[in-house]
PDB file of N, CA and C in Angstrom:
ATOM      1  N   MET A   1     -12.005   2.418 -13.501  1.00  0.00           N
ATOM      2  CA  MET A   1     -10.664   1.967 -13.182  1.00  0.00           C
ATOM      3  C   MET A   1      -9.701   3.132 -13.423  1.00  0.00           C
ATOM      4  N   LEU A   2      -8.752   3.259 -12.528  1.00  0.00           N
ATOM      5  CA  LEU A   2      -7.728   4.294 -12.670  1.00  0.00           C
ATOM      6  C   LEU A   2      -6.687   3.880 -13.698  1.00  0.00           C
ATOM      7  N   THR A   3      -6.098   4.876 -14.338  1.00  0.00           N
ATOM      8  CA  THR A   3      -4.971   4.580 -15.211  1.00  0.00           C
ATOM      9  C   THR A   3      -3.761   4.267 -14.327  1.00  0.00           C
ATOM     10  N   ARG A   4      -2.733   3.711 -14.915  1.00  0.00           N
ATOM     11  CA  ARG A   4      -1.509   3.415 -14.170  1.00  0.00           C
ATOM     12  C   ARG A   4      -0.958   4.701 -13.539  1.00  0.00           C
ATOM     13  N   LYS A   5      -0.951   5.782 -14.304  1.00  0.00           N
ATOM     14  CA  LYS A   5      -0.435   7.058 -13.809  1.00  0.00           C
ATOM     15  C   LYS A   5      -1.257   7.565 -12.619  1.00  0.00           C
ATOM     16  N   GLN A   6      -2.570   7.504 -12.714  1.00  0.00           N
ATOM     17  CA  GLN A   6      -3.438   7.940 -11.622  1.00  0.00           C
ATOM     18  C   GLN A   6      -3.232   7.075 -10.383  1.00  0.00           C
ATOM     19  N   PHE A   7      -3.139   5.765 -10.590  1.00  0.00           N
ATOM     20  CA  PHE A   7      -2.942   4.844  -9.476  1.00  0.00           C
ATOM     21  C   PHE A   7      -1.627   5.135  -8.762  1.00  0.00           C
ATOM     22  N   LYS A   8      -0.570   5.325  -9.533  1.00  0.00           N
ATOM     23  CA  LYS A   8       0.739   5.624  -8.947  1.00  0.00           C
ATOM     24  C   LYS A   8       0.701   6.939  -8.168  1.00  0.00           C
ATOM     25  N   GLU A   9       0.000   7.921  -8.711  1.00  0.00           N
ATOM     26  CA  GLU A   9      -0.113   9.220  -8.034  1.00  0.00           C
ATOM     27  C   GLU A   9      -0.766   9.065  -6.654  1.00  0.00           C
ATOM     28  N   VAL A  10      -1.859   8.326  -6.600  1.00  0.00           N
ATOM     29  CA  VAL A  10      -2.561   8.127  -5.327  1.00  0.00           C
ATOM     30  C   VAL A  10      -1.712   7.292  -4.367  1.00  0.00           C
ATOM     31  N   MET A  11      -1.095   6.230  -4.864  1.00  0.00           N
ATOM     32  CA  MET A  11      -0.259   5.398  -4.002  1.00  0.00           C
ATOM     33  C   MET A  11       0.935   6.181  -3.462  1.00  0.00           C
ATOM     34  N   CYS A  12       1.515   7.055  -4.269  1.00  0.00           N
ATOM     35  CA  CYS A  12       2.635   7.891  -3.795  1.00  0.00           C
ATOM     36  C   CYS A  12       2.152   8.858  -2.718  1.00  0.00           C
ATOM     37  N   GLU A  13       0.925   9.345  -2.839  1.00  0.00           N
ATOM     38  CA  GLU A  13       0.354  10.205  -1.794  1.00  0.00           C
ATOM     39  C   GLU A  13       0.197   9.424  -0.484  1.00  0.00           C
ATOM     40  N   ILE A  14      -0.213   8.172  -0.584  1.00  0.00           N
ATOM     41  CA  ILE A  14      -0.338   7.336   0.617  1.00  0.00           C
ATOM     42  C   ILE A  14       1.038   7.109   1.235  1.00  0.00           C
ATOM     43  N   LEU A  15       2.044   6.861   0.409  1.00  0.00           N
ATOM     44  CA  LEU A  15       3.418   6.696   0.916  1.00  0.00           C
ATOM     45  C   LEU A  15       3.892   7.971   1.606  1.00  0.00           C
ATOM     46  N   ASP A  16       3.608   9.130   1.008  1.00  0.00           N
ATOM     47  CA  ASP A  16       3.989  10.403   1.623  1.00  0.00           C
ATOM     48  C   ASP A  16       3.263  10.605   2.949  1.00  0.00           C
ATOM     49  N   LEU A  17       1.997  10.236   2.995  1.00  0.00           N
ATOM     50  CA  LEU A  17       1.219  10.331   4.230  1.00  0.00           C
ATOM     51  C   LEU A  17       1.831   9.447   5.313  1.00  0.00           C
ATOM     52  N   ASP A  18       2.264   8.255   4.934  1.00  0.00           N
ATOM     53  CA  ASP A  18       2.895   7.341   5.878  1.00  0.00           C
ATOM     54  C   ASP A  18       4.203   7.923   6.427  1.00  0.00           C
ATOM     55  N   LYS A  19       5.008   8.520   5.554  1.00  0.00           N
ATOM     56  CA  LYS A  19       6.262   9.138   5.992  1.00  0.00           C
ATOM     57  C   LYS A  19       5.997  10.287   6.953  1.00  0.00           C
ATOM     58  N   LEU A  20       5.014  11.115   6.628  1.00  0.00           N
ATOM     59  CA  LEU A  20       4.651  12.226   7.504  1.00  0.00           C
ATOM     60  C   LEU A  20       4.162  11.718   8.862  1.00  0.00           C
ATOM     61  N   GLU A  21       3.352  10.675   8.827  1.00  0.00           N
ATOM     62  CA  GLU A  21       2.859  10.058  10.052  1.00  0.00           C
ATOM     63  C   GLU A  21       4.018   9.595  10.935  1.00  0.00           C
ATOM     64  N   CYS A  22       5.017   8.975  10.339  1.00  0.00           N
ATOM     65  CA  CYS A  22       6.192   8.504  11.089  1.00  0.00           C
ATOM     66  C   CYS A  22       6.981   9.662  11.686  1.00  0.00           C
ATOM     67  N   GLU A  23       7.108  10.748  10.930  1.00  0.00           N
ATOM     68  CA  GLU A  23       7.818  11.918  11.433  1.00  0.00           C
ATOM     69  C   GLU A  23       7.094  12.534  12.627  1.00  0.00           C
ATOM     70  N   ILE A  24       5.779  12.688  12.511  1.00  0.00           N
ATOM     71  CA  ILE A  24       4.981  13.241  13.608  1.00  0.00           C
ATOM     72  C   ILE A  24       5.073  12.329  14.823  1.00  0.00           C
ATOM     73  N   ASP A  25       4.951  11.037  14.592  1.00  0.00           N
ATOM     74  CA  ASP A  25       5.032  10.060  15.672  1.00  0.00           C
ATOM     75  C   ASP A  25       6.374  10.158  16.394  1.00  0.00           C
ATOM     76  N   SER A  26       7.450  10.284  15.646  1.00  0.00           N
ATOM     77  CA  SER A  26       8.793  10.379  16.225  1.00  0.00           C
ATOM     78  C   SER A  26       8.941  11.630  17.081  1.00  0.00           C
ATOM     79  N   VAL A  27       8.465  12.765  16.593  1.00  0.00           N
ATOM     80  CA  VAL A  27       8.552  14.012  17.353  1.00  0.00           C
ATOM     81  C   VAL A  27       7.721  13.919  18.624  1.00  0.00           C
ATOM     82  N   MET A  28       6.524  13.394  18.512  1.00  0.00           N
ATOM     83  CA  MET A  28       5.652  13.288  19.689  1.00  0.00           C
ATOM     84  C   MET A  28       6.264  12.369  20.748  1.00  0.00           C
ATOM     85  N   LYS A  29       6.923  11.306  20.343  1.00  0.00           N
ATOM     86  CA  LYS A  29       7.565  10.399  21.302  1.00  0.00           C
ATOM     87  C   LYS A  29       8.757  11.064  21.975  1.00  0.00           C
ATOM     88  N   LYS A  30       9.426  11.979  21.273  1.00  0.00           N
ATOM     89  CA  LYS A  30      10.517  12.738  21.894  1.00  0.00           C
ATOM     90  C   LYS A  30       9.984  13.714  22.925  1.00  0.00           C
ATOM     91  N   LEU A  31       8.826  14.290  22.644  1.00  0.00           N
ATOM     92  CA  LEU A  31       8.212  15.226  23.578  1.00  0.00           C
ATOM     93  C   LEU A  31       7.637  14.513  24.790  1.00  0.00           C
ATOM     94  N   SER A  32       7.139  13.322  24.565  1.00  0.00           N
ATOM     95  CA  SER A  32       6.533  12.554  25.646  1.00  0.00           C
ATOM     96  C   SER A  32       6.830  11.070  25.429  1.00  0.00           C
ATOM     97  N   PRO A  33       7.771  10.518  26.183  1.00  0.00           N
ATOM     98  CA  PRO A  33       8.143   9.113  25.996  1.00  0.00           C
ATOM     99  C   PRO A  33       6.976   8.134  26.161  1.00  0.00           C
ATOM    100  N   ASP A  34       5.933   8.539  26.862  1.00  0.00           N
ATOM    101  CA  ASP A  34       4.768   7.676  27.051  1.00  0.00           C
ATOM    102  C   ASP A  34       3.764   7.771  25.904  1.00  0.00           C
ATOM    103  N   PHE A  35       4.055   8.616  24.928  1.00  0.00           N
ATOM    104  CA  PHE A  35       3.154   8.791  23.788  1.00  0.00           C
ATOM    105  C   PHE A  35       2.963   7.452  23.081  1.00  0.00           C
ATOM    106  N   MET A  36       1.726   7.088  22.828  1.00  0.00           N
ATOM    107  CA  MET A  36       1.416   5.761  22.291  1.00  0.00           C
ATOM    108  C   MET A  36       1.527   5.663  20.768  1.00  0.00           C
ATOM    109  N   GLY A  37       1.382   6.747  20.055  1.00  0.00           N
ATOM    110  CA  GLY A  37       1.498   6.683  18.608  1.00  0.00           C
ATOM    111  C   GLY A  37       0.525   7.602  17.910  1.00  0.00           C
ATOM    112  N   PHE A  38       0.910   8.017  16.717  1.00  0.00           N
ATOM    113  CA  PHE A  38       0.098   8.920  15.906  1.00  0.00           C
ATOM    114  C   PHE A  38      -0.265   8.212  14.613  1.00  0.00           C
ATOM    115  N   SER A  39      -1.491   8.437  14.148  1.00  0.00           N
ATOM    116  CA  SER A  39      -1.919   7.776  12.919  1.00  0.00           C
ATOM    117  C   SER A  39      -2.940   8.621  12.163  1.00  0.00           C
ATOM    118  N   PHE A  40      -2.796   8.636  10.848  1.00  0.00           N
ATOM    119  CA  PHE A  40      -3.793   9.212   9.951  1.00  0.00           C
ATOM    120  C   PHE A  40      -4.748   8.107   9.513  1.00  0.00           C
ATOM    121  N   GLU A  41      -5.179   7.298  10.451  1.00  0.00           N
ATOM    122  CA  GLU A  41      -5.933   6.085  10.131  1.00  0.00           C
ATOM    123  C   GLU A  41      -7.200   6.339   9.321  1.00  0.00           C
ATOM    124  N   LYS A  42      -8.015   7.272   9.757  1.00  0.00           N
ATOM    125  CA  LYS A  42      -9.291   7.497   9.066  1.00  0.00           C
ATOM    126  C   LYS A  42      -9.095   7.997   7.635  1.00  0.00           C
ATOM    127  N   PRO A  43      -8.276   9.042   7.396  1.00  0.00           N
ATOM    128  CA  PRO A  43      -8.106   9.455   5.999  1.00  0.00           C
ATOM    129  C   PRO A  43      -7.449   8.376   5.138  1.00  0.00           C
ATOM    130  N   ARG A  44      -6.478   7.644   5.691  1.00  0.00           N
ATOM    131  CA  ARG A  44      -5.823   6.582   4.928  1.00  0.00           C
ATOM    132  C   ARG A  44      -6.834   5.494   4.575  1.00  0.00           C
ATOM    133  N   ASN A  45      -7.654   5.089   5.543  1.00  0.00           N
ATOM    134  CA  ASN A  45      -8.651   4.045   5.281  1.00  0.00           C
ATOM    135  C   ASN A  45      -9.669   4.484   4.230  1.00  0.00           C
ATOM    136  N   THR A  46     -10.037   5.758   4.258  1.00  0.00           N
ATOM    137  CA  THR A  46     -10.970   6.280   3.264  1.00  0.00           C
ATOM    138  C   THR A  46     -10.346   6.242   1.875  1.00  0.00           C
ATOM    139  N   ILE A  47      -9.100   6.678   1.765  1.00  0.00           N
ATOM    140  CA  ILE A  47      -8.398   6.653   0.482  1.00  0.00           C
ATOM    141  C   ILE A  47      -8.279   5.212  -0.016  1.00  0.00           C
ATOM    142  N   LEU A  48      -7.920   4.304   0.879  1.00  0.00           N
ATOM    143  CA  LEU A  48      -7.763   2.898   0.486  1.00  0.00           C
ATOM    144  C   LEU A  48      -9.086   2.285   0.040  1.00  0.00           C
ATOM    145  N   LYS A  49     -10.162   2.653   0.707  1.00  0.00           N
ATOM    146  CA  LYS A  49     -11.474   2.130   0.323  1.00  0.00           C
ATOM    147  C   LYS A  49     -11.848   2.598  -1.087  1.00  0.00           C
ATOM    148  N   VAL A  50     -11.606   3.869  -1.368  1.00  0.00           N
ATOM    149  CA  VAL A  50     -11.891   4.402  -2.694  1.00  0.00           C
ATOM    150  C   VAL A  50     -11.013   3.700  -3.738  1.00  0.00           C
ATOM    151  N   LEU A  51      -9.736   3.481  -3.409  1.00  0.00           N
ATOM    152  CA  LEU A  51      -8.839   2.762  -4.318  1.00  0.00           C
ATOM    153  C   LEU A  51      -9.344   1.349  -4.588  1.00  0.00           C
ATOM    154  N   GLN A  52      -9.752   0.658  -3.522  1.00  0.00           N
ATOM    155  CA  GLN A  52     -10.263  -0.701  -3.687  1.00  0.00           C
ATOM    156  C   GLN A  52     -11.480  -0.717  -4.608  1.00  0.00           C
ATOM    157  N   TYR A  53     -12.398   0.216  -4.396  1.00  0.00           N
ATOM    158  CA  TYR A  53     -13.595   0.279  -5.241  1.00  0.00           C
ATOM    159  C   TYR A  53     -13.226   0.606  -6.682  1.00  0.00           C
ATOM    160  N   SER A  54     -12.380   1.607  -6.865  1.00  0.00           N
ATOM    161  CA  SER A  54     -12.062   2.051  -8.224  1.00  0.00           C
ATOM    162  C   SER A  54     -11.241   1.026  -8.996  1.00  0.00           C
ATOM    163  N   MET A  55     -10.455   0.226  -8.293  1.00  0.00           N
ATOM    164  CA  MET A  55      -9.634  -0.798  -8.957  1.00  0.00           C
ATOM    165  C   MET A  55     -10.302  -2.175  -8.918  1.00  0.00           C
ATOM    166  N   ASN A  56     -11.503  -2.240  -8.360  1.00  0.00           N
ATOM    167  CA  ASN A  56     -12.222  -3.505  -8.228  1.00  0.00           C
ATOM    168  C   ASN A  56     -11.357  -4.568  -7.552  1.00  0.00           C
ATOM    169  N   ASP A  57     -10.723  -4.150  -6.465  1.00  0.00           N
ATOM    170  CA  ASP A  57      -9.798  -5.025  -5.727  1.00  0.00           C
ATOM    171  C   ASP A  57     -10.572  -5.869  -4.714  1.00  0.00           C
ATOM    172  N   THR A  58     -11.260  -6.869  -5.200  1.00  0.00           N
ATOM    173  CA  THR A  58     -12.042  -7.737  -4.320  1.00  0.00           C
ATOM    174  C   THR A  58     -11.176  -8.768  -3.599  1.00  0.00           C
ATOM    175  N   SER A  59      -9.945  -8.941  -4.044  1.00  0.00           N
ATOM    176  CA  SER A  59      -9.051  -9.925  -3.421  1.00  0.00           C
ATOM    177  C   SER A  59      -8.163  -9.338  -2.332  1.00  0.00           C
ATOM    178  N   GLY A  60      -8.168  -8.024  -2.168  1.00  0.00           N
ATOM    179  CA  GLY A  60      -7.387  -7.409  -1.101  1.00  0.00           C
ATOM    180  C   GLY A  60      -5.911  -7.205  -1.419  1.00  0.00           C
ATOM    181  N   TRP A  61      -5.560  -7.108  -2.687  1.00  0.00           N
ATOM    182  CA  TRP A  61      -4.155  -6.934  -3.058  1.00  0.00           C
ATOM    183  C   TRP A  61      -3.560  -5.643  -2.510  1.00  0.00           C
ATOM    184  N   ILE A  62      -4.334  -4.565  -2.540  1.00  0.00           N
ATOM    185  CA  ILE A  62      -3.812  -3.271  -2.094  1.00  0.00           C
ATOM    186  C   ILE A  62      -3.452  -3.331  -0.616  1.00  0.00           C
ATOM    187  N   HIS A  63      -4.375  -3.823   0.207  1.00  0.00           N
ATOM    188  CA  HIS A  63      -4.079  -3.951   1.642  1.00  0.00           C
ATOM    189  C   HIS A  63      -2.895  -4.896   1.872  1.00  0.00           C
ATOM    190  N   TYR A  64      -2.860  -5.983   1.168  1.00  0.00           N
ATOM    191  CA  TYR A  64      -1.768  -6.947   1.304  1.00  0.00           C
ATOM    192  C   TYR A  64      -0.435  -6.286   0.994  1.00  0.00           C
ATOM    193  N   TRP A  65      -0.366  -5.541  -0.101  1.00  0.00           N
ATOM    194  CA  TRP A  65       0.876  -4.884  -0.521  1.00  0.00           C
ATOM    195  C   TRP A  65       1.322  -3.842   0.506  1.00  0.00           C
ATOM    196  N   ILE A  66       0.375  -3.087   1.057  1.00  0.00           N
ATOM    197  CA  ILE A  66       0.717  -2.045   2.031  1.00  0.00           C
ATOM    198  C   ILE A  66       1.054  -2.641   3.388  1.00  0.00           C
ATOM    199  N   TYR A  67       0.154  -3.451   3.941  1.00  0.00           N
ATOM    200  CA  TYR A  67       0.287  -3.885   5.336  1.00  0.00           C
ATOM    201  C   TYR A  67       1.111  -5.150   5.520  1.00  0.00           C
ATOM    202  N   GLU A  68       0.951  -6.121   4.667  1.00  0.00           N
ATOM    203  CA  GLU A  68       1.701  -7.366   4.833  1.00  0.00           C
ATOM    204  C   GLU A  68       3.098  -7.291   4.211  1.00  0.00           C
ATOM    205  N   LEU A  69       3.188  -6.556   3.103  1.00  0.00           N
ATOM    206  CA  LEU A  69       4.479  -6.465   2.413  1.00  0.00           C
ATOM    207  C   LEU A  69       5.173  -5.124   2.643  1.00  0.00           C
ATOM    208  N   ASN A  70       4.649  -4.318   3.578  1.00  0.00           N
ATOM    209  CA  ASN A  70       5.267  -3.039   3.935  1.00  0.00           C
ATOM    210  C   ASN A  70       5.563  -2.206   2.683  1.00  0.00           C
ATOM    211  N   TYR A  71       4.504  -1.904   1.943  1.00  0.00           N
ATOM    212  CA  TYR A  71       4.610  -1.139   0.700  1.00  0.00           C
ATOM    213  C   TYR A  71       5.539  -1.824  -0.304  1.00  0.00           C
ATOM    214  N   GLY A  72       5.484  -3.124  -0.342  1.00  0.00           N
ATOM    215  CA  GLY A  72       6.278  -3.912  -1.278  1.00  0.00           C
ATOM    216  C   GLY A  72       7.715  -4.155  -0.840  1.00  0.00           C
ATOM    217  N   ARG A  73       8.148  -3.497   0.233  1.00  0.00           N
ATOM    218  CA  ARG A  73       9.544  -3.622   0.681  1.00  0.00           C
ATOM    219  C   ARG A  73       9.902  -5.031   1.117  1.00  0.00           C
ATOM    220  N   SER A  74       8.931  -5.777   1.639  1.00  0.00           N
ATOM    221  CA  SER A  74       9.189  -7.141   2.118  1.00  0.00           C
ATOM    222  C   SER A  74       8.987  -8.201   1.042  1.00  0.00           C
ATOM    223  N   ALA A  75       8.571  -7.790  -0.130  1.00  0.00           N
ATOM    224  CA  ALA A  75       8.339  -8.751  -1.209  1.00  0.00           C
ATOM    225  C   ALA A  75       9.660  -9.303  -1.721  1.00  0.00           C
ATOM    226  N   LYS A  76       9.672 -10.601  -1.890  1.00  0.00           N
ATOM    227  CA  LYS A  76      10.843 -11.290  -2.431  1.00  0.00           C
ATOM    228  C   LYS A  76      10.375 -12.218  -3.541  1.00  0.00           C
ATOM    229  N   THR A  77      11.294 -12.706  -4.317  1.00  0.00           N
ATOM    230  CA  THR A  77      10.942 -13.682  -5.344  1.00  0.00           C
ATOM    231  C   THR A  77      10.211 -14.840  -4.683  1.00  0.00           C
ATOM    232  N   GLY A  78       9.075 -15.179  -5.218  1.00  0.00           N
ATOM    233  CA  GLY A  78       8.291 -16.274  -4.669  1.00  0.00           C
ATOM    234  C   GLY A  78       7.231 -15.845  -3.672  1.00  0.00           C
ATOM    235  N   THR A  79       7.159 -14.537  -3.348  1.00  0.00           N
ATOM    236  CA  THR A  79       6.124 -14.059  -2.428  1.00  0.00           C
ATOM    237  C   THR A  79       4.742 -14.377  -2.988  1.00  0.00           C
ATOM    238  N   VAL A  80       4.565 -14.133  -4.269  1.00  0.00           N
ATOM    239  CA  VAL A  80       3.312 -14.455  -4.953  1.00  0.00           C
ATOM    240  C   VAL A  80       3.670 -15.297  -6.171  1.00  0.00           C
ATOM    241  N   THR A  81       3.041 -16.454  -6.272  1.00  0.00           N
ATOM    242  CA  THR A  81       3.285 -17.332  -7.414  1.00  0.00           C
ATOM    243  C   THR A  81       1.956 -17.796  -7.997  1.00  0.00           C
ATOM    244  N   LEU A  82       1.999 -18.140  -9.245  1.00  0.00           N
ATOM    245  CA  LEU A  82       0.849 -18.698  -9.933  1.00  0.00           C
ATOM    246  C   LEU A  82       1.363 -19.823 -10.823  1.00  0.00           C
ATOM    247  N   LYS A  83       0.931 -21.031 -10.534  1.00  0.00           N
ATOM    248  CA  LYS A  83       1.384 -22.205 -11.293  1.00  0.00           C
ATOM    249  C   LYS A  83       2.910 -22.250 -11.364  1.00  0.00           C
ATOM    250  N   SER A  84       3.537 -22.098 -10.215  1.00  0.00           N
ATOM    251  CA  SER A  84       4.994 -22.134 -10.054  1.00  0.00           C
ATOM    252  C   SER A  84       5.715 -20.989 -10.773  1.00  0.00           C
ATOM    253  N   ARG A  85       5.003 -19.995 -11.168  1.00  0.00           N
ATOM    254  CA  ARG A  85       5.588 -18.823 -11.827  1.00  0.00           C
ATOM    255  C   ARG A  85       5.563 -17.639 -10.865  1.00  0.00           C
ATOM    256  N   ASN A  86       6.708 -16.982 -10.692  1.00  0.00           N
ATOM    257  CA  ASN A  86       6.791 -15.826  -9.809  1.00  0.00           C
ATOM    258  C   ASN A  86       6.018 -14.643 -10.393  1.00  0.00           C
ATOM    259  N   ILE A  87       5.218 -14.011  -9.542  1.00  0.00           N
ATOM    260  CA  ILE A  87       4.479 -12.813  -9.927  1.00  0.00           C
ATOM    261  C   ILE A  87       5.106 -11.650  -9.151  1.00  0.00           C
ATOM    262  N   PRO A  88       5.767 -10.722  -9.835  1.00  0.00           N
ATOM    263  CA  PRO A  88       6.389  -9.593  -9.123  1.00  0.00           C
ATOM    264  C   PRO A  88       5.341  -8.758  -8.391  1.00  0.00           C
ATOM    265  N   ILE A  89       5.679  -8.320  -7.167  1.00  0.00           N
ATOM    266  CA  ILE A  89       4.775  -7.500  -6.366  1.00  0.00           C
ATOM    267  C   ILE A  89       5.560  -6.500  -5.512  1.00  0.00           C
ATOM    268  N   LYS A  90       6.723  -6.107  -5.961  1.00  0.00           N
ATOM    269  CA  LYS A  90       7.593  -5.216  -5.185  1.00  0.00           C
ATOM    270  C   LYS A  90       7.253  -3.732  -5.366  1.00  0.00           C
ATOM    271  N   THR A  91       6.818  -3.350  -6.544  1.00  0.00           N
ATOM    272  CA  THR A  91       6.614  -1.928  -6.848  1.00  0.00           C
ATOM    273  C   THR A  91       5.133  -1.601  -7.037  1.00  0.00           C
ATOM    274  N   ILE A  92       4.855  -0.305  -7.083  1.00  0.00           N
ATOM    275  CA  ILE A  92       3.489   0.144  -7.367  1.00  0.00           C
ATOM    276  C   ILE A  92       3.078  -0.337  -8.753  1.00  0.00           C
ATOM    277  N   ASP A  93       4.001  -0.303  -9.702  1.00  0.00           N
ATOM    278  CA  ASP A  93       3.707  -0.812 -11.044  1.00  0.00           C
ATOM    279  C   ASP A  93       3.343  -2.291 -11.016  1.00  0.00           C
ATOM    280  N   ASP A  94       4.075  -3.072 -10.222  1.00  0.00           N
ATOM    281  CA  ASP A  94       3.760  -4.497 -10.082  1.00  0.00           C
ATOM    282  C   ASP A  94       2.351  -4.681  -9.533  1.00  0.00           C
ATOM    283  N   LEU A  95       2.014  -3.916  -8.505  1.00  0.00           N
ATOM    284  CA  LEU A  95       0.691  -4.007  -7.897  1.00  0.00           C
ATOM    285  C   LEU A  95      -0.388  -3.652  -8.914  1.00  0.00           C
ATOM    286  N   TYR A  96      -0.162  -2.598  -9.676  1.00  0.00           N
ATOM    287  CA  TYR A  96      -1.136  -2.194 -10.702  1.00  0.00           C
ATOM    288  C   TYR A  96      -1.332  -3.310 -11.727  1.00  0.00           C
ATOM    289  N   THR A  97      -0.240  -3.931 -12.118  1.00  0.00           N
ATOM    290  CA  THR A  97      -0.328  -5.028 -13.086  1.00  0.00           C
ATOM    291  C   THR A  97      -1.170  -6.172 -12.529  1.00  0.00           C
ATOM    292  N   ILE A  98      -0.948  -6.527 -11.283  1.00  0.00           N
ATOM    293  CA  ILE A  98      -1.743  -7.587 -10.658  1.00  0.00           C
ATOM    294  C   ILE A  98      -3.227  -7.206 -10.636  1.00  0.00           C
ATOM    295  N   LEU A  99      -3.505  -5.950 -10.298  1.00  0.00           N
ATOM    296  CA  LEU A  99      -4.885  -5.499 -10.198  1.00  0.00           C
ATOM    297  C   LEU A  99      -5.596  -5.437 -11.555  1.00  0.00           C
ATOM    298  N   THR A 100      -4.844  -5.259 -12.620  1.00  0.00           N
ATOM    299  CA  THR A 100      -5.470  -5.081 -13.931  1.00  0.00           C
ATOM    300  C   THR A 100      -5.401  -6.308 -14.820  1.00  0.00           C
ATOM    301  N   LYS A 101      -4.652  -7.318 -14.424  1.00  0.00           N
ATOM    302  CA  LYS A 101      -4.573  -8.556 -15.205  1.00  0.00           C
ATOM    303  C   LYS A 101      -5.690  -9.489 -14.758  1.00  0.00           C
ATOM    304  N   LYS A 102      -6.455  -9.941 -15.673  1.00  0.00           N
ATOM    305  CA  LYS A 102      -7.583 -10.830 -15.342  1.00  0.00           C
ATOM    306  C   LYS A 102      -7.117 -12.210 -14.902  1.00  0.00           C
ATOM    307  N   LYS A 103      -5.937 -12.636 -15.340  1.00  0.00           N
ATOM    308  CA  LYS A 103      -5.472 -14.004 -15.048  1.00  0.00           C
ATOM    309  C   LYS A 103      -5.001 -14.172 -13.617  1.00  0.00           C
ATOM    310  N   TYR A 104      -4.742 -13.096 -12.873  1.00  0.00           N
ATOM    311  CA  TYR A 104      -4.271 -13.233 -11.485  1.00  0.00           C
ATOM    312  C   TYR A 104      -5.492 -13.355 -10.607  1.00  0.00           C
TER     313      TYR A 104
END
């Protein structure tokens, strides 16, 4: 299992990769309006797979946080609840807590 610091470091690298991907995509669309899109899909998927294995994420929290919650940006109070209790999932720290708490 990764430490909180290690996990945050890797997740920040994924966020940086996403930003770079968007910048490249934007430039390519300016050069060619018919350009369909640019993606670092294979390296990102490899990194995510390693993260899932190392964090024992059998429930898919990492993918959920990235793809469904747009890196936590779409998370609101009540997005994740347990016995009517709100479970924060907005930040990388929140995600790490969910991944490391046995009760979730």
